[in-house]
Amino acid sequence: MARTTRPLTNTEVLRAKALEKDLTLHDGNGLFLIVKTSGKK
Protein backbone atom coordinates (compact mmCIF):
# COMPACT_ATOMS: atom_id res chain seq x y z
CA MET A 1 0.00 0.00 0.00
CA ALA A 2 1.35 3.41 -0.96
CA ARG A 3 2.03 5.88 1.78
CA THR A 4 0.32 9.24 1.32
CA THR A 5 1.76 12.54 2.44
CA ARG A 6 -0.03 15.78 3.02
CA PRO A 7 1.15 19.10 1.58
CA LEU A 8 2.81 21.74 3.73
CA THR A 9 0.38 24.26 5.14
CA ASN A 10 0.96 27.99 5.39
CA THR A 11 0.92 27.72 9.20
CA GLU A 12 3.62 25.01 9.19
CA VAL A 13 5.87 27.15 6.99
CA LEU A 14 5.41 30.29 9.09
CA ARG A 15 6.04 28.48 12.40
CA ALA A 16 9.07 26.47 11.23
CA LYS A 17 12.19 27.26 13.25
CA ALA A 18 15.61 25.62 13.05
CA LEU A 19 17.27 25.37 16.44
CA GLU A 20 20.71 23.74 16.29
CA LYS A 21 20.98 22.74 12.63
CA ASP A 22 19.16 23.42 9.36
CA LEU A 23 15.62 22.04 9.11
CA THR A 24 14.21 20.57 5.89
CA LEU A 25 10.46 20.21 5.42
CA HIS A 26 9.05 18.07 2.56
CA ASP A 27 5.55 18.17 1.11
CA GLY A 28 5.71 14.82 -0.70
CA ASN A 29 5.33 16.22 -4.23
CA GLY A 30 8.98 17.14 -4.72
CA LEU A 31 8.77 20.51 -2.97
CA PHE A 32 10.95 21.11 0.06
CA LEU A 33 11.72 24.06 2.31
CA ILE A 34 15.05 24.59 4.06
CA VAL A 35 14.99 26.67 7.24
CA LYS A 36 18.44 27.92 8.24
CA THR A 37 19.54 28.42 11.85
CA SER A 38 19.69 32.16 11.12
CA GLY A 39 15.93 32.10 10.45
CA LYS A 40 16.03 32.46 6.66
CA LYS A 41 13.59 30.27 4.73
PDB file of N, CA and C in Angstrom:
ATOM      1  N   MET A   1       0.831  -1.175   0.000  1.00  0.00           N
ATOM      2  CA  MET A   1       0.000   0.000   0.000  1.00  0.00           C
ATOM      3  C   MET A   1       0.882   1.248   0.000  1.00  0.00           C
ATOM      4  N   ALA A   2       0.556   2.190  -0.854  1.00  0.00           N
ATOM      5  CA  ALA A   2       1.349   3.408  -0.961  1.00  0.00           C
ATOM      6  C   ALA A   2       1.091   4.335   0.220  1.00  0.00           C
ATOM      7  N   ARG A   3       2.148   4.947   0.669  1.00  0.00           N
ATOM      8  CA  ARG A   3       2.027   5.882   1.779  1.00  0.00           C
ATOM      9  C   ARG A   3       1.687   7.261   1.227  1.00  0.00           C
ATOM     10  N   THR A   4       0.705   7.914   1.786  1.00  0.00           N
ATOM     11  CA  THR A   4       0.318   9.236   1.318  1.00  0.00           C
ATOM     12  C   THR A   4       0.906  10.295   2.239  1.00  0.00           C
ATOM     13  N   THR A   5       1.244  11.423   1.659  1.00  0.00           N
ATOM     14  CA  THR A   5       1.762  12.545   2.436  1.00  0.00           C
ATOM     15  C   THR A   5       0.876  13.747   2.196  1.00  0.00           C
ATOM     16  N   ARG A   6       0.797  14.593   3.168  1.00  0.00           N
ATOM     17  CA  ARG A   6      -0.028  15.784   3.021  1.00  0.00           C
ATOM     18  C   ARG A   6       0.862  16.971   2.663  1.00  0.00           C
ATOM     19  N   PRO A   7       0.347  17.933   1.945  1.00  0.00           N
ATOM     20  CA  PRO A   7       1.154  19.098   1.576  1.00  0.00           C
ATOM     21  C   PRO A   7       1.443  19.980   2.792  1.00  0.00           C
ATOM     22  N   LEU A   8       2.490  20.780   2.672  1.00  0.00           N
ATOM     23  CA  LEU A   8       2.809  21.735   3.729  1.00  0.00           C
ATOM     24  C   LEU A   8       1.725  22.806   3.786  1.00  0.00           C
ATOM     25  N   THR A   9       1.362  23.192   4.984  1.00  0.00           N
ATOM     26  CA  THR A   9       0.383  24.264   5.142  1.00  0.00           C
ATOM     27  C   THR A   9       1.106  25.581   5.382  1.00  0.00           C
ATOM     28  N   ASN A  10       0.402  26.670   5.170  1.00  0.00           N
ATOM     29  CA  ASN A  10       0.963  27.994   5.393  1.00  0.00           C
ATOM     30  C   ASN A  10       1.401  28.149   6.847  1.00  0.00           C
ATOM     31  N   THR A  11       0.608  27.627   7.770  1.00  0.00           N
ATOM     32  CA  THR A  11       0.925  27.718   9.195  1.00  0.00           C
ATOM     33  C   THR A  11       2.211  26.966   9.524  1.00  0.00           C
ATOM     34  N   GLU A  12       2.401  25.785   8.946  1.00  0.00           N
ATOM     35  CA  GLU A  12       3.624  25.011   9.189  1.00  0.00           C
ATOM     36  C   GLU A  12       4.858  25.763   8.699  1.00  0.00           C
ATOM     37  N   VAL A  13       4.740  26.406   7.556  1.00  0.00           N
ATOM     38  CA  VAL A  13       5.868  27.146   6.994  1.00  0.00           C
ATOM     39  C   VAL A  13       6.188  28.362   7.858  1.00  0.00           C
ATOM     40  N   LEU A  14       5.173  29.089   8.283  1.00  0.00           N
ATOM     41  CA  LEU A  14       5.406  30.286   9.089  1.00  0.00           C
ATOM     42  C   LEU A  14       5.973  29.964  10.467  1.00  0.00           C
ATOM     43  N   ARG A  15       5.590  28.845  11.052  1.00  0.00           N
ATOM     44  CA  ARG A  15       6.039  28.482  12.401  1.00  0.00           C
ATOM     45  C   ARG A  15       7.336  27.684  12.428  1.00  0.00           C
ATOM     46  N   ALA A  16       7.861  27.307  11.275  1.00  0.00           N
ATOM     47  CA  ALA A  16       9.067  26.473  11.225  1.00  0.00           C
ATOM     48  C   ALA A  16      10.271  27.248  11.741  1.00  0.00           C
ATOM     49  N   LYS A  17      10.989  26.646  12.688  1.00  0.00           N
ATOM     50  CA  LYS A  17      12.191  27.258  13.252  1.00  0.00           C
ATOM     51  C   LYS A  17      13.267  26.190  13.376  1.00  0.00           C
ATOM     52  N   ALA A  18      14.464  26.520  12.907  1.00  0.00           N
ATOM     53  CA  ALA A  18      15.606  25.616  13.048  1.00  0.00           C
ATOM     54  C   ALA A  18      16.356  26.013  14.316  1.00  0.00           C
ATOM     55  N   LEU A  19      16.612  25.064  15.177  1.00  0.00           N
ATOM     56  CA  LEU A  19      17.268  25.372  16.442  1.00  0.00           C
ATOM     57  C   LEU A  19      18.784  25.202  16.358  1.00  0.00           C
ATOM     58  N   GLU A  20      19.271  23.985  16.280  1.00  0.00           N
ATOM     59  CA  GLU A  20      20.713  23.742  16.295  1.00  0.00           C
ATOM     60  C   GLU A  20      21.301  23.513  14.909  1.00  0.00           C
ATOM     61  N   LYS A  21      20.500  22.956  13.994  1.00  0.00           N
ATOM     62  CA  LYS A  21      20.982  22.742  12.635  1.00  0.00           C
ATOM     63  C   LYS A  21      19.840  23.020  11.666  1.00  0.00           C
ATOM     64  N   ASP A  22      20.162  23.107  10.375  1.00  0.00           N
ATOM     65  CA  ASP A  22      19.157  23.421   9.360  1.00  0.00           C
ATOM     66  C   ASP A  22      18.026  22.399   9.374  1.00  0.00           C
ATOM     67  N   LEU A  23      16.820  22.875   9.121  1.00  0.00           N
ATOM     68  CA  LEU A  23      15.624  22.043   9.114  1.00  0.00           C
ATOM     69  C   LEU A  23      15.100  21.959   7.686  1.00  0.00           C
ATOM     70  N   THR A  24      14.772  20.763   7.226  1.00  0.00           N
ATOM     71  CA  THR A  24      14.214  20.567   5.891  1.00  0.00           C
ATOM     72  C   THR A  24      12.813  19.994   6.026  1.00  0.00           C
ATOM     73  N   LEU A  25      11.845  20.670   5.417  1.00  0.00           N
ATOM     74  CA  LEU A  25      10.457  20.213   5.416  1.00  0.00           C
ATOM     75  C   LEU A  25      10.097  19.779   4.004  1.00  0.00           C
ATOM     76  N   HIS A  26       9.460  18.620   3.865  1.00  0.00           N
ATOM     77  CA  HIS A  26       9.051  18.075   2.564  1.00  0.00           C
ATOM     78  C   HIS A  26       7.530  18.051   2.483  1.00  0.00           C
ATOM     79  N   ASP A  27       6.999  18.257   1.270  1.00  0.00           N
ATOM     80  CA  ASP A  27       5.548  18.166   1.106  1.00  0.00           C
ATOM     81  C   ASP A  27       5.120  16.878   0.414  1.00  0.00           C
ATOM     82  N   GLY A  28       6.051  16.092  -0.079  1.00  0.00           N
ATOM     83  CA  GLY A  28       5.715  14.819  -0.705  1.00  0.00           C
ATOM     84  C   GLY A  28       5.546  14.894  -2.203  1.00  0.00           C
ATOM     85  N   ASN A  29       5.476  16.070  -2.777  1.00  0.00           N
ATOM     86  CA  ASN A  29       5.330  16.219  -4.227  1.00  0.00           C
ATOM     87  C   ASN A  29       6.588  16.790  -4.866  1.00  0.00           C
ATOM     88  N   GLY A  30       7.719  16.650  -4.179  1.00  0.00           N
ATOM     89  CA  GLY A  30       8.976  17.144  -4.722  1.00  0.00           C
ATOM     90  C   GLY A  30       9.350  18.525  -4.236  1.00  0.00           C
ATOM     91  N   LEU A  31       8.480  19.184  -3.502  1.00  0.00           N
ATOM     92  CA  LEU A  31       8.772  20.512  -2.968  1.00  0.00           C
ATOM     93  C   LEU A  31       9.360  20.360  -1.579  1.00  0.00           C
ATOM     94  N   PHE A  32      10.408  21.117  -1.291  1.00  0.00           N
ATOM     95  CA  PHE A  32      10.947  21.105   0.062  1.00  0.00           C
ATOM     96  C   PHE A  32      11.371  22.509   0.450  1.00  0.00           C
ATOM     97  N   LEU A  33      11.381  22.761   1.750  1.00  0.00           N
ATOM     98  CA  LEU A  33      11.720  24.060   2.308  1.00  0.00           C
ATOM     99  C   LEU A  33      12.859  23.858   3.285  1.00  0.00           C
ATOM    100  N   ILE A  34      13.915  24.657   3.136  1.00  0.00           N
ATOM    101  CA  ILE A  34      15.045  24.587   4.062  1.00  0.00           C
ATOM    102  C   ILE A  34      14.990  25.818   4.951  1.00  0.00           C
ATOM    103  N   VAL A  35      14.983  25.588   6.265  1.00  0.00           N
ATOM    104  CA  VAL A  35      14.994  26.673   7.242  1.00  0.00           C
ATOM    105  C   VAL A  35      16.379  26.684   7.867  1.00  0.00           C
ATOM    106  N   LYS A  36      17.092  27.790   7.703  1.00  0.00           N
ATOM    107  CA  LYS A  36      18.440  27.925   8.241  1.00  0.00           C
ATOM    108  C   LYS A  36      18.388  28.300   9.714  1.00  0.00           C
ATOM    109  N   THR A  37      19.478  28.069  10.429  1.00  0.00           N
ATOM    110  CA  THR A  37      19.536  28.422  11.847  1.00  0.00           C
ATOM    111  C   THR A  37      19.463  29.931  12.050  1.00  0.00           C
ATOM    112  N   SER A  38      19.783  30.705  11.028  1.00  0.00           N
ATOM    113  CA  SER A  38      19.687  32.162  11.119  1.00  0.00           C
ATOM    114  C   SER A  38      18.242  32.642  10.996  1.00  0.00           C
ATOM    115  N   GLY A  39      17.332  31.748  10.585  1.00  0.00           N
ATOM    116  CA  GLY A  39      15.928  32.099  10.451  1.00  0.00           C
ATOM    117  C   GLY A  39      15.466  32.278   9.016  1.00  0.00           C
ATOM    118  N   LYS A  40      16.414  32.315   8.078  1.00  0.00           N
ATOM    119  CA  LYS A  40      16.035  32.463   6.664  1.00  0.00           C
ATOM    120  C   LYS A  40      15.350  31.209   6.169  1.00  0.00           C
ATOM    121  N   LYS A  41      14.349  31.399   5.289  1.00  0.00           N
ATOM    122  CA  LYS A  41      13.594  30.273   4.733  1.00  0.00           C
ATOM    123  C   LYS A  41      13.732  30.275   3.231  1.00  0.00           C
TER     124      LYS A  41
END
